[in-house]
Every structure is written in structure tokens, then in C-alpha cells.
Amino acid sequence: MEAYMKKVIILSLMFLTVGIIAPTSGDAKTIGAAPAAAASNIQVYGQRRGRNWNRGRARIVTRTRIVWRYGRRYRETYRITYLPNGRTGTQVISRVRLGGYRRY
């Protein structure tokens, strides 16, 4: 029984010393925290992070495809505009004729 009591007393003294030393060592770190608090006021410019950085703006994408028009083969370059309300607009920018024709 004495060995058990010795272990309990030693453990309680260890926890007590850790409880006294830990808050005092934390006070010493507050001196170094002042420059870190001043550094947190710096604003970083650049791309915003998160989901909503492009909300409310139209997104424009340019695509190219090969199509058959008027019995001939063309390479069309077209622009797709994705509007914020969910609608899309398509506009052909250029149509270049390629070799070959369709035989009926």
C-alpha cells in the first residue's frame, strides 16, 4: 500500500509543477507575440480564395470545332458566354474552309 501512495504523491507533485510552470512560460512568449500581432494587419493582394471569387461575372470561353456547312468542311471558332443567371450565348467568330467536300 505504501508503494501505491508514493506513486500517487509523486504523480500529483508532477502535475502540480507542470501546472505552475506552464502558465509562467506562456507569459514569456507574449513578448514575442507583439510583432506577430502587428504582422497580422498586413493585407495580401491577389486572387481571392474560396468558391465565390467569380460570382456575378460573365465567363467567356473560346472553342474550335470542325463542321460541315453548305456541303463543305469548315473549322469554326466560336465564343460561348456564360452569364450569371445561367443563360449562355454563342457567337461564331471565324469560319475557315478546309479541304474536302461532301459527295451526296
Protein backbone atom coordinates (compact mmCIF):
# COMPACT_ATOMS: atom_id res chain seq x y z
CA MET A 1 0.00 0.00 0.00
CA GLU A 2 2.89 2.32 0.70
CA ALA A 3 4.23 1.94 -2.86
CA TYR A 4 0.82 2.92 -4.26
CA MET A 5 0.66 6.02 -2.05
CA LYS A 6 4.19 7.04 -3.07
CA LYS A 7 3.22 6.81 -6.77
CA VAL A 8 0.08 8.89 -6.20
CA ILE A 9 2.02 11.58 -4.33
CA ILE A 10 4.79 11.72 -6.95
CA LEU A 11 2.28 11.96 -9.83
CA SER A 12 0.30 14.69 -8.10
CA LEU A 13 3.50 16.68 -7.47
CA MET A 14 4.48 16.28 -11.15
CA PHE A 15 1.11 17.57 -12.34
CA LEU A 16 1.27 20.42 -9.86
CA THR A 17 4.70 21.55 -11.07
CA VAL A 18 3.59 21.33 -14.70
CA GLY A 19 0.54 23.41 -13.81
CA ILE A 20 2.68 26.09 -12.19
CA ILE A 21 5.47 26.20 -14.80
CA ALA A 22 3.32 26.10 -17.95
CA PRO A 23 1.42 29.40 -17.40
CA THR A 24 4.61 31.26 -16.48
CA SER A 25 6.37 30.07 -19.65
CA GLY A 26 3.34 31.24 -21.65
CA ASP A 27 3.76 34.75 -20.24
CA ALA A 28 7.31 34.84 -21.53
CA LYS A 29 6.02 34.16 -25.06
CA THR A 30 3.72 37.18 -25.05
CA ILE A 31 6.74 39.44 -25.52
CA GLY A 32 7.48 37.81 -28.85
CA ALA A 33 3.80 37.86 -29.85
CA ALA A 34 3.67 41.64 -30.29
CA PRO A 35 5.45 41.68 -33.68
CA ALA A 36 3.28 38.78 -34.85
CA ALA A 37 0.13 40.75 -33.98
CA ALA A 38 1.41 43.73 -35.93
CA ALA A 39 2.23 41.49 -38.89
CA SER A 40 -1.34 40.15 -38.99
CA ASN A 41 -2.60 43.59 -40.09
CA ILE A 42 -0.85 43.24 -43.46
CA GLN A 43 -3.28 42.80 -46.35
CA VAL A 44 -2.29 40.42 -49.12
CA TYR A 45 -3.49 41.37 -52.58
CA GLY A 46 -4.11 38.83 -55.31
CA GLN A 47 -6.69 36.24 -56.25
CA ARG A 48 -9.35 35.72 -53.64
CA ARG A 49 -9.66 32.23 -52.32
CA GLY A 50 -12.94 30.40 -51.95
CA ARG A 51 -15.92 29.47 -54.06
CA ASN A 52 -17.44 32.87 -54.79
CA TRP A 53 -14.48 34.75 -56.25
CA ASN A 54 -16.03 34.90 -59.75
CA ARG A 55 -19.71 35.13 -58.82
CA GLY A 56 -21.70 37.74 -60.72
CA ARG A 57 -19.38 37.93 -63.70
CA ALA A 58 -19.85 36.62 -67.21
CA ARG A 59 -17.39 33.89 -68.19
CA ILE A 60 -16.24 33.82 -71.81
CA VAL A 61 -14.76 30.69 -73.43
CA THR A 62 -13.44 30.29 -76.99
CA ARG A 63 -13.79 26.91 -78.71
CA THR A 64 -12.97 25.41 -82.11
CA ARG A 65 -14.79 22.67 -83.97
CA ILE A 66 -14.90 21.07 -87.42
CA VAL A 67 -18.32 21.26 -89.09
CA TRP A 68 -19.91 20.55 -92.42
CA ARG A 69 -21.72 23.58 -93.82
CA TYR A 70 -23.02 24.16 -97.31
CA GLY A 71 -21.57 20.82 -98.46
CA ARG A 72 -18.04 21.74 -97.42
CA ARG A 73 -15.87 21.27 -94.34
CA TYR A 74 -15.09 24.30 -92.16
CA ARG A 75 -13.22 24.99 -88.95
CA GLU A 76 -15.39 27.26 -86.83
CA THR A 77 -14.09 29.29 -83.95
CA TYR A 78 -16.87 30.42 -81.68
CA ARG A 79 -17.26 32.22 -78.38
CA ILE A 80 -19.51 30.96 -75.58
CA THR A 81 -20.57 33.48 -72.93
CA TYR A 82 -21.83 32.00 -69.67
CA LEU A 83 -23.99 34.63 -67.97
CA PRO A 84 -24.51 34.81 -64.19
CA ASN A 85 -28.21 33.97 -64.47
CA GLY A 86 -27.45 30.59 -66.09
CA ARG A 87 -28.03 31.53 -69.70
CA THR A 88 -25.46 31.04 -72.45
CA GLY A 89 -24.77 32.97 -75.62
CA THR A 90 -22.93 31.59 -78.65
CA GLN A 91 -21.29 33.68 -81.36
CA VAL A 92 -19.27 32.43 -84.35
CA ILE A 93 -16.02 34.40 -84.60
CA SER A 94 -14.50 32.87 -87.72
CA ARG A 95 -15.19 30.11 -90.24
CA VAL A 96 -12.24 28.86 -92.30
CA ARG A 97 -12.79 26.50 -95.20
CA LEU A 98 -10.84 23.25 -95.09
CA GLY A 99 -10.05 20.89 -97.93
CA GLY A 100 -12.57 18.29 -98.93
CA TYR A 101 -16.19 18.31 -99.82
CA ARG A 102 -19.14 16.06 -99.23
CA ARG A 103 -20.42 13.95 -102.06
CA TYR A 104 -24.14 13.32 -101.96
